[in-house]
């Protein structure tokens, strides 16, 4: 456990659980996460699992999520009745190795930013659960208010251009928008309940040029000033639609976690209208605060930040959502392009154009 120093980033992984065969642990930001690596000894193992029964009120998914990490497929399939506890399958012990968990077992408690809060062996179970009971709300874990490192820039697209993009969507209609996942070494597009959004592709070269020019003149200098990053490439020209009729949303995710998306550096969210409720950006690792740019304005953030689009509860949110990167990212994209599956949905357009000098 020498590498599990409090404050150090927790090792991240992708593993099978009972909801997703490739569940990304990096999506758990915003809550405390308790990982249990039970000991090999059967009696001690039973004792570790029974510990959860002492604190059922803590396992409510509002403050804390708990997982047992097991190598035993039979145990995983049986899912011993432990209310409020989920399971990860670790057949080759790769996750246990990341955390330095041996046959004696290990508890690992992560804070809402996915940094190590406590690493304890099984002899410290009582103390660990006392710590769980004393944890503040996730949004108060730092002891002071924290803010996501995002940039809001007004007046990127003028009202007429926003209206034209909305009319394009209404005229053309949108297709269900998928998410990108890494499966067997390839980046594939999938449609799941993780996301409810429809996208219309912007095919007109002249309209793309208009958007690109606005970004270059009005947005890129602000990004360079705030983040010391010079964007030279743009990926994806779409009008995205989150509709209250289907509760449009996008659950917490990161935008650069596959080989086919690793080149992305900054995400840009430009609202085209304001007559809707909900549909705001939230960065769970930084609390409950939401972010909404004004119509024609942009919210810009690193693609490595965990973020979500909250459900639209009234009306329809229209937005255009490009990704930006640089020449180093272009080289990464070129090297990884062979891993992008041909069945990736058109809503994840890989069209690439220069936007900067």
Protein backbone atom coordinates (compact mmCIF):
# COMPACT_ATOMS: atom_id res chain seq x y z
CA UNK A 1 0.00 0.00 0.00
CA UNK A 2 3.01 2.29 -0.11
CA UNK A 3 1.71 4.01 -3.26
CA UNK A 4 -1.76 4.61 -1.78
CA UNK A 5 -0.76 7.83 -0.06
CA UNK A 6 -3.68 10.03 1.03
CA UNK A 7 -4.09 12.76 -1.58
CA UNK A 8 -2.54 10.71 -4.38
CA UNK A 9 -4.67 9.94 -7.46
CA UNK A 10 -6.46 6.62 -7.15
CA UNK A 11 -5.61 4.05 -9.83
CA UNK A 12 -8.35 3.94 -12.46
CA UNK A 13 -9.53 0.86 -14.31
CA UNK A 14 -12.20 -0.63 -16.54
CA UNK A 15 -13.88 -3.82 -15.36
CA UNK A 16 -16.98 -5.94 -15.64
CA UNK A 17 -19.83 -5.31 -13.24
CA UNK A 18 -23.46 -6.34 -13.36
CA UNK A 19 -24.49 -3.26 -15.34
CA UNK A 20 -21.66 -2.82 -17.84
CA UNK A 21 -19.06 -5.26 -19.12
CA UNK A 22 -16.59 -2.36 -19.42
CA UNK A 23 -17.46 -0.10 -16.49
CA UNK A 24 -14.97 2.79 -16.18
CA UNK A 25 -14.08 3.58 -12.58
CA UNK A 26 -13.21 7.12 -13.69
CA UNK A 27 -16.95 7.80 -14.10
CA UNK A 28 -17.49 7.54 -10.32
CA UNK A 29 -16.24 11.05 -9.51
CA UNK A 30 -18.44 13.27 -7.37
CA UNK A 31 -19.09 10.66 -4.67
CA UNK A 32 -17.00 8.88 -2.08
CA UNK A 33 -16.06 5.43 -3.39
CA UNK A 34 -15.29 2.51 -1.09
CA UNK A 35 -13.48 -0.46 -2.63
CA UNK A 36 -13.28 -3.72 -0.73
CA UNK A 37 -10.66 -6.28 -1.74
CA UNK A 38 -11.71 -9.14 0.55
CA UNK A 39 -9.08 -11.44 2.10
CA UNK A 40 -8.50 -14.98 0.86
CA UNK A 41 -9.27 -16.61 4.22
CA UNK A 42 -12.94 -17.63 4.05
CA UNK A 43 -13.81 -16.67 7.63
CA UNK A 44 -12.08 -13.31 7.32
CA UNK A 45 -13.72 -12.80 3.95
CA UNK A 46 -17.17 -13.36 5.41
CA UNK A 47 -16.34 -10.93 8.19
CA UNK A 48 -15.26 -8.24 5.74
CA UNK A 49 -18.44 -8.58 3.68
CA UNK A 50 -20.61 -8.53 6.79
CA UNK A 51 -19.09 -5.17 7.73
CA UNK A 52 -21.30 -3.45 5.19
CA UNK A 53 -24.38 -4.48 7.15
CA UNK A 54 -23.26 -2.21 10.00
CA UNK A 55 -23.81 0.93 7.99
CA UNK A 56 -26.69 0.42 5.53
CA UNK A 57 -27.70 4.10 5.78
CA UNK A 58 -24.32 5.12 4.39
CA UNK A 59 -24.69 3.06 1.22
CA UNK A 60 -27.33 5.26 -0.37
CA UNK A 61 -25.56 6.24 -3.61
CA UNK A 62 -26.11 9.89 -2.67
CA UNK A 63 -22.90 10.21 -0.67
CA UNK A 64 -21.06 6.91 -1.00
CA UNK A 65 -20.89 4.03 -3.46
CA UNK A 66 -19.29 0.74 -2.44
CA UNK A 67 -17.85 -2.08 -4.54
CA UNK A 68 -16.44 -5.50 -3.72
CA UNK A 69 -13.64 -6.47 -6.10
CA UNK A 70 -13.45 -10.23 -6.50
CA UNK A 71 -11.44 -12.63 -8.63
CA UNK A 72 -13.99 -15.40 -8.05
CA UNK A 73 -16.44 -15.71 -10.95
CA UNK A 74 -18.78 -17.94 -8.91
CA UNK A 75 -18.88 -15.41 -6.07
CA UNK A 76 -19.44 -12.59 -8.57
CA UNK A 77 -22.28 -14.45 -10.27
CA UNK A 78 -23.88 -15.34 -6.92
CA UNK A 79 -23.66 -11.75 -5.65
CA UNK A 80 -23.96 -12.46 -1.91
CA UNK A 81 -26.77 -10.38 -0.46
CA UNK A 82 -25.03 -7.22 0.71
CA UNK A 83 -27.51 -4.33 0.43
CA UNK A 84 -26.13 -1.23 -1.25
CA UNK A 85 -22.97 -2.95 -2.47
CA UNK A 86 -21.99 -3.59 -6.09
CA UNK A 87 -19.35 -5.88 -7.52
CA UNK A 88 -16.42 -5.74 -9.89
CA UNK A 89 -14.99 -8.88 -11.46
CA UNK A 90 -11.18 -8.98 -11.43
CA UNK A 91 -10.40 -12.43 -12.84
CA UNK A 92 -6.68 -11.90 -13.39
CA UNK A 93 -6.12 -9.77 -10.29
CA UNK A 94 -5.21 -6.69 -12.35
CA UNK A 95 -7.27 -4.29 -10.23
CA UNK A 96 -5.94 -5.80 -7.00
CA UNK A 97 -2.42 -5.34 -8.34
CA UNK A 98 -3.10 -1.67 -9.09
CA UNK A 99 -4.05 -1.17 -5.45
CA UNK A 100 -1.41 -3.49 -4.02
CA UNK A 101 -4.10 -5.71 -2.49
CA UNK A 102 -2.83 -9.13 -1.51
CA UNK A 103 -4.40 -12.15 0.12
CA UNK A 104 -4.79 -10.31 3.43
CA UNK A 105 -7.38 -7.93 1.90
CA UNK A 106 -7.63 -4.15 1.61
CA UNK A 107 -10.05 -1.26 2.02
CA UNK A 108 -9.58 1.79 -0.24
CA UNK A 109 -11.68 4.91 0.27
CA UNK A 110 -11.59 7.54 -2.50
CA UNK A 111 -12.69 11.14 -2.18
CA UNK A 112 -15.06 12.79 -4.72
CA UNK A 113 -12.11 13.84 -6.89
CA UNK A 114 -10.90 10.22 -7.02
CA UNK A 115 -7.91 10.73 -4.78
CA UNK A 116 -6.96 8.36 -2.00
CA UNK A 117 -8.60 9.31 1.28
CA UNK A 118 -7.94 6.14 3.31
CA UNK A 119 -6.12 2.87 2.57
CA UNK A 120 -6.50 0.31 5.36
CA UNK A 121 -6.03 -3.37 5.97
CA UNK A 122 -8.78 -5.53 7.43
CA UNK A 123 -7.60 -5.01 11.00
CA UNK A 124 -8.69 -1.36 10.67
CA UNK A 125 -12.26 -2.10 9.56
CA UNK A 126 -13.88 -0.59 12.68
CA UNK A 127 -11.92 2.64 12.31
CA UNK A 128 -12.70 2.80 8.60
CA UNK A 129 -16.46 2.56 9.13
CA UNK A 130 -16.26 5.20 11.86
CA UNK A 131 -14.59 7.43 9.27
CA UNK A 132 -17.40 6.73 6.78
CA UNK A 133 -19.99 7.85 9.30
CA UNK A 134 -18.20 11.16 9.81
CA UNK A 135 -17.72 12.11 6.16
CA UNK A 136 -19.16 15.49 5.11
CA UNK A 137 -21.37 15.77 2.05
CA UNK A 138 -19.35 15.18 -1.13
CA UNK A 139 -19.65 18.80 -2.20
CA UNK A 140 -18.12 19.84 1.16
CA UNK A 141 -15.27 17.33 1.19
CA UNK A 142 -12.56 19.97 0.69
CA UNK A 143 -13.73 22.06 3.63
CA UNK A 144 -14.02 25.09 1.36
CA UNK A 145 -16.03 25.72 -1.83
CA UNK A 146 -14.29 24.43 -4.97
CA UNK A 147 -14.88 25.46 -8.58
CA UNK A 148 -14.42 23.50 -11.77
CA UNK A 149 -11.64 24.89 -14.02
CA UNK A 150 -13.96 25.95 -16.84
CA UNK A 151 -14.05 29.04 -19.04
CA UNK A 152 -17.26 30.86 -20.00
CA UNK A 153 -17.03 33.09 -23.07
CA UNK A 154 -20.08 35.10 -24.22
CA UNK A 155 -20.83 36.30 -27.76
CA UNK A 156 -19.06 33.62 -29.76
CA UNK A 157 -21.91 33.06 -32.25
CA UNK A 158 -24.23 35.93 -33.11
CA UNK A 159 -28.03 35.50 -32.71
CA UNK A 160 -28.67 35.14 -36.46
CA UNK A 161 -26.20 32.27 -36.76
CA UNK A 162 -27.70 30.56 -33.70
CA UNK A 163 -31.17 30.78 -35.26
CA UNK A 164 -29.91 29.40 -38.57
CA UNK A 165 -28.37 26.41 -36.79
CA UNK A 166 -31.61 25.72 -34.92
CA UNK A 167 -33.55 25.94 -38.20
CA UNK A 168 -31.08 23.51 -39.78
CA UNK A 169 -31.87 20.99 -37.04
CA UNK A 170 -35.63 21.49 -37.35
CA UNK A 171 -35.49 21.15 -41.11
CA UNK A 172 -33.10 18.20 -41.19
CA UNK A 173 -34.01 16.36 -38.00
CA UNK A 174 -31.59 14.54 -35.74
CA UNK A 175 -30.41 10.98 -35.23
CA UNK A 176 -29.87 9.30 -31.84
CA UNK A 177 -26.43 10.17 -30.53
CA UNK A 178 -24.17 7.42 -29.27
CA UNK A 179 -21.19 7.21 -26.94
CA UNK A 180 -17.71 5.93 -27.68
CA UNK A 181 -16.36 2.90 -25.83
CA UNK A 182 -13.17 0.90 -25.95
CA UNK A 183 -13.95 -2.76 -26.68
CA UNK A 184 -11.25 -5.32 -27.45
CA UNK A 185 -8.76 -2.64 -28.43
CA UNK A 186 -11.14 -0.77 -30.73
CA UNK A 187 -13.19 2.40 -30.26
CA UNK A 188 -16.82 1.62 -31.07
CA UNK A 189 -19.97 3.69 -31.02
CA UNK A 190 -22.88 2.39 -28.97
CA UNK A 191 -26.41 3.58 -28.29
CA UNK A 192 -27.39 3.19 -24.63
CA UNK A 193 -29.60 4.78 -21.98
CA UNK A 194 -26.46 6.56 -20.74
CA UNK A 195 -27.32 9.40 -23.09
CA UNK A 196 -30.53 10.84 -24.55
CA UNK A 197 -29.65 13.27 -27.31
CA UNK A 198 -30.21 13.69 -31.02
CA UNK A 199 -27.67 15.23 -33.38
CA UNK A 200 -27.88 16.77 -36.84
CA UNK A 201 -24.71 16.90 -38.90
CA UNK A 202 -23.70 20.27 -40.35
CA UNK A 203 -22.69 19.28 -43.87
CA UNK A 204 -22.67 22.67 -45.63
CA UNK A 205 -18.99 23.71 -46.12
CA UNK A 206 -19.92 27.42 -46.07
CA UNK A 207 -21.73 27.06 -42.75
CA UNK A 208 -18.83 25.14 -41.29
CA UNK A 209 -16.52 27.93 -42.39
CA UNK A 210 -18.71 30.50 -40.65
CA UNK A 211 -18.55 28.55 -37.39
CA UNK A 212 -14.82 28.00 -37.69
CA UNK A 213 -14.18 31.70 -38.31
CA UNK A 214 -16.18 32.72 -35.23
CA UNK A 215 -14.27 30.27 -33.07
CA UNK A 216 -10.93 31.45 -34.43
CA UNK A 217 -11.62 35.15 -33.87
CA UNK A 218 -13.75 35.12 -30.72
CA UNK A 219 -12.96 31.95 -28.79
CA UNK A 220 -9.44 30.67 -29.44
CA UNK A 221 -7.70 33.79 -28.06
CA UNK A 222 -9.64 33.39 -24.80
CA UNK A 223 -8.68 29.71 -24.57
CA UNK A 224 -5.03 30.57 -25.13
CA UNK A 225 -5.20 33.30 -22.48
CA UNK A 226 -6.92 31.09 -19.88
CA UNK A 227 -5.21 27.75 -20.52
CA UNK A 228 -2.04 28.60 -22.46
CA UNK A 229 -3.23 26.22 -25.17
CA UNK A 230 -3.19 27.00 -28.88
CA UNK A 231 -5.94 25.05 -30.61
CA UNK A 232 -5.35 24.40 -34.30
CA UNK A 233 -7.86 21.63 -35.04
CA UNK A 234 -11.60 21.17 -34.73
CA UNK A 235 -13.52 17.91 -34.66
CA UNK A 236 -17.25 17.55 -35.19
CA UNK A 237 -19.81 19.97 -36.64
CA UNK A 238 -23.21 19.16 -35.19
CA UNK A 239 -26.36 20.72 -33.82
CA UNK A 240 -27.25 18.73 -30.72
CA UNK A 241 -30.77 18.55 -29.34
CA UNK A 242 -31.70 17.71 -25.75
CA UNK A 243 -35.51 17.55 -25.63
CA UNK A 244 -37.64 17.55 -22.46
CA UNK A 245 -40.08 15.22 -24.24
CA UNK A 246 -37.56 12.42 -23.80
CA UNK A 247 -35.81 13.91 -20.77
CA UNK A 248 -32.66 14.66 -22.75
CA UNK A 249 -29.48 14.17 -20.71
CA UNK A 250 -25.91 12.87 -20.81
CA UNK A 251 -24.67 11.12 -17.68
CA UNK A 252 -21.20 11.75 -16.18
CA UNK A 253 -18.41 10.92 -18.61
CA UNK A 254 -15.04 12.07 -19.93
CA UNK A 255 -14.42 12.83 -23.60
CA UNK A 256 -10.96 11.34 -24.21
CA UNK A 257 -10.92 7.87 -22.65
CA UNK A 258 -10.65 5.73 -25.81
CA UNK A 259 -7.91 5.43 -28.41
CA UNK A 260 -10.27 6.97 -30.97
CA UNK A 261 -10.86 10.04 -28.77
CA UNK A 262 -7.49 10.39 -26.98
CA UNK A 263 -6.48 13.33 -29.18
CA UNK A 264 -9.26 15.58 -27.87
CA UNK A 265 -8.01 18.36 -25.59
CA UNK A 266 -10.90 20.78 -24.98
CA UNK A 267 -14.65 20.44 -25.29
CA UNK A 268 -16.75 23.43 -26.31
CA UNK A 269 -20.43 23.71 -25.43
CA UNK A 270 -22.20 26.58 -27.23
CA UNK A 271 -25.88 27.06 -26.43
CA UNK A 272 -28.01 28.28 -29.32
CA UNK A 273 -31.10 29.20 -27.27
CA UNK A 274 -32.20 29.81 -23.67
CA UNK A 275 -35.90 28.91 -23.53
CA UNK A 276 -35.49 25.65 -21.64
CA UNK A 277 -35.02 24.42 -18.08
CA UNK A 278 -32.35 21.97 -16.99
CA UNK A 279 -29.80 20.92 -19.58
CA UNK A 280 -26.89 22.55 -17.78
CA UNK A 281 -23.32 21.34 -17.44
CA UNK A 282 -22.19 19.88 -14.13
CA UNK A 283 -18.72 18.74 -13.09
CA UNK A 284 -19.41 16.20 -10.29
CA UNK A 285 -15.88 16.16 -8.91
CA UNK A 286 -16.29 19.85 -8.10
CA UNK A 287 -19.71 19.77 -6.44
CA UNK A 288 -23.31 20.41 -7.47
CA UNK A 289 -22.89 23.78 -9.16
CA UNK A 290 -24.08 23.91 -12.78
CA UNK A 291 -22.80 25.98 -15.69
CA UNK A 292 -24.82 27.44 -18.56
CA UNK A 293 -23.44 29.74 -21.25
CA UNK A 294 -25.72 32.48 -22.61
CA UNK A 295 -27.15 31.94 -26.10
CA UNK A 296 -24.24 32.14 -28.53
CA UNK A 297 -21.78 31.81 -25.66
CA UNK A 298 -19.46 28.93 -24.87
CA UNK A 299 -18.37 26.91 -21.88
CA UNK A 300 -14.90 25.43 -22.51
CA UNK A 301 -13.29 22.70 -20.42
CA UNK A 302 -10.65 19.99 -20.57
CA UNK A 303 -11.84 16.74 -22.14
CA UNK A 304 -10.34 14.87 -19.16
CA UNK A 305 -12.82 16.46 -16.72
CA UNK A 306 -15.79 14.36 -15.62
CA UNK A 307 -18.94 16.18 -16.71
CA UNK A 308 -22.62 15.65 -17.40
CA UNK A 309 -25.53 17.39 -19.09
CA UNK A 310 -28.37 17.49 -16.59
CA UNK A 311 -31.85 16.45 -17.81
CA UNK A 312 -33.87 19.01 -19.74
CA UNK A 313 -37.15 19.39 -17.85
CA UNK A 314 -38.87 22.01 -20.05
CA UNK A 315 -38.47 22.92 -23.68
CA UNK A 316 -35.60 21.97 -25.95
CA UNK A 317 -31.93 22.79 -25.64
CA UNK A 318 -30.05 23.29 -28.91
CA UNK A 319 -26.25 23.45 -28.87
CA UNK A 320 -23.23 22.99 -31.07
CA UNK A 321 -20.49 20.94 -29.44
CA UNK A 322 -17.09 20.86 -31.15
CA UNK A 323 -13.88 19.41 -29.76
CA UNK A 324 -10.57 21.24 -30.12
CA UNK A 325 -7.01 19.93 -30.25
CA UNK A 326 -3.57 20.84 -31.58
CA UNK A 327 -0.90 19.43 -33.87
CA UNK A 328 0.36 17.04 -31.18
CA UNK A 329 -3.21 15.79 -30.86
CA UNK A 330 -3.42 15.43 -34.63
CA UNK A 331 -0.46 13.06 -34.51
CA UNK A 332 -2.14 11.04 -31.76
CA UNK A 333 -5.33 10.90 -33.80
CA UNK A 334 -3.48 9.73 -36.92
CA UNK A 335 -1.67 7.01 -34.95
CA UNK A 336 -4.91 5.74 -33.41
CA UNK A 337 -7.26 6.11 -36.36
CA UNK A 338 -6.95 2.41 -37.20
CA UNK A 339 -8.60 1.56 -33.85
CA UNK A 340 -11.78 3.49 -34.71
CA UNK A 341 -14.44 0.98 -35.64
CA UNK A 342 -16.25 1.45 -38.93
CA UNK A 343 -19.56 0.97 -37.08
CA UNK A 344 -19.04 4.12 -34.98
CA UNK A 345 -22.23 6.18 -35.41
CA UNK A 346 -22.21 9.19 -37.70
CA UNK A 347 -23.14 11.31 -34.66
CA UNK A 348 -19.53 10.94 -33.56
CA UNK A 349 -18.20 12.66 -36.69
CA UNK A 350 -14.44 12.37 -37.07
CA UNK A 351 -14.22 15.21 -39.63
CA UNK A 352 -11.15 17.24 -38.80
CA UNK A 353 -10.31 20.76 -39.94
CA UNK A 354 -7.81 23.41 -38.91
CA UNK A 355 -9.17 26.33 -36.93
CA UNK A 356 -6.00 28.12 -35.82
CA UNK A 357 -2.81 29.39 -37.32
